[in-house]
C-alpha atoms as a PDB file:
ATOM      1  CA  UNK A   1       0.000   0.000   0.000  1.00  0.00           C
ATOM      2  CA  UNK A   2       1.196   3.510  -0.785  1.00  0.00           C
ATOM      3  CA  UNK A   3       0.018   6.476   1.226  1.00  0.00           C
ATOM      4  CA  UNK A   4       0.246  10.040   0.022  1.00  0.00           C
ATOM      5  CA  UNK A   5       0.105  13.414   1.671  1.00  0.00           C
ATOM      6  CA  UNK A   6       1.219  16.914   0.779  1.00  0.00           C
ATOM      7  CA  UNK A   7       4.791  16.512   2.059  1.00  0.00           C
ATOM      8  CA  UNK A   8       7.128  13.477   2.079  1.00  0.00           C
ATOM      9  CA  UNK A   9       7.762  11.507   5.234  1.00  0.00           C
ATOM     10  CA  UNK A  10       6.311  11.771   8.711  1.00  0.00           C
ATOM     11  CA  UNK A  11       6.789  13.962  11.747  1.00  0.00           C
ATOM     12  CA  UNK A  12       6.233  13.756  15.471  1.00  0.00           C
ATOM     13  CA  UNK A  13       3.076  15.305  16.893  1.00  0.00           C
ATOM     14  CA  UNK A  14       3.637  19.040  17.125  1.00  0.00           C
ATOM     15  CA  UNK A  15       6.399  18.961  14.498  1.00  0.00           C
ATOM     16  CA  UNK A  16       4.918  22.046  12.907  1.00  0.00           C
ATOM     17  CA  UNK A  17       5.152  21.051   9.227  1.00  0.00           C
ATOM     18  CA  UNK A  18       1.825  21.644   7.484  1.00  0.00           C
ATOM     19  CA  UNK A  19       0.880  18.787   5.172  1.00  0.00           C
ATOM     20  CA  UNK A  20       3.204  16.161   6.691  1.00  0.00           C
ATOM     21  CA  UNK A  21       1.757  13.001   8.235  1.00  0.00           C
ATOM     22  CA  UNK A  22       2.008  12.351  11.967  1.00  0.00           C
ATOM     23  CA  UNK A  23       1.198   8.645  11.603  1.00  0.00           C
ATOM     24  CA  UNK A  24       2.863   6.749   8.745  1.00  0.00           C
ATOM     25  CA  UNK A  25       5.571   7.876   6.313  1.00  0.00           C
ATOM     26  CA  UNK A  26       3.909   9.070   3.113  1.00  0.00           C
ATOM     27  CA  UNK A  27       4.925  10.054  -0.379  1.00  0.00           C
ATOM     28  CA  UNK A  28       4.575  13.753  -1.071  1.00  0.00           C
ATOM     29  CA  UNK A  29       2.531  15.224  -3.904  1.00  0.00           C
ATOM     30  CA  UNK A  30       5.439  15.534  -6.358  1.00  0.00           C
ATOM     31  CA  UNK A  31       6.423  11.864  -5.991  1.00  0.00           C
ATOM     32  CA  UNK A  32       2.806  10.688  -6.253  1.00  0.00           C
ATOM     33  CA  UNK A  33       2.293  12.782  -9.388  1.00  0.00           C
ATOM     34  CA  UNK A  34       5.398  11.259 -11.025  1.00  0.00           C
ATOM     35  CA  UNK A  35       4.355   7.730  -9.994  1.00  0.00           C
ATOM     36  CA  UNK A  36       0.842   8.144 -11.431  1.00  0.00           C
ATOM     37  CA  UNK A  37       2.192   9.522 -14.706  1.00  0.00           C
ATOM     38  CA  UNK A  38       4.640   6.622 -15.003  1.00  0.00           C
ATOM     39  CA  UNK A  39       1.873   4.102 -14.287  1.00  0.00           C
ATOM     40  CA  UNK A  40      -0.349   5.720 -16.931  1.00  0.00           C
ATOM     41  CA  UNK A  41       2.406   5.324 -19.526  1.00  0.00           C
ATOM     42  CA  UNK A  42       2.682   1.603 -18.754  1.00  0.00           C
ATOM     43  CA  UNK A  43      -1.059   0.992 -19.028  1.00  0.00           C
END
């Protein structure tokens, strides 16, 4: 499973980075966009 969020990675509660997960590490928007475009080319 791949999870996405606005920013890559994860942070501790109160880390202060808007758009970064506090639970599981996630792929940020730019990486998700590139992955989806690559998958579309292979389909």
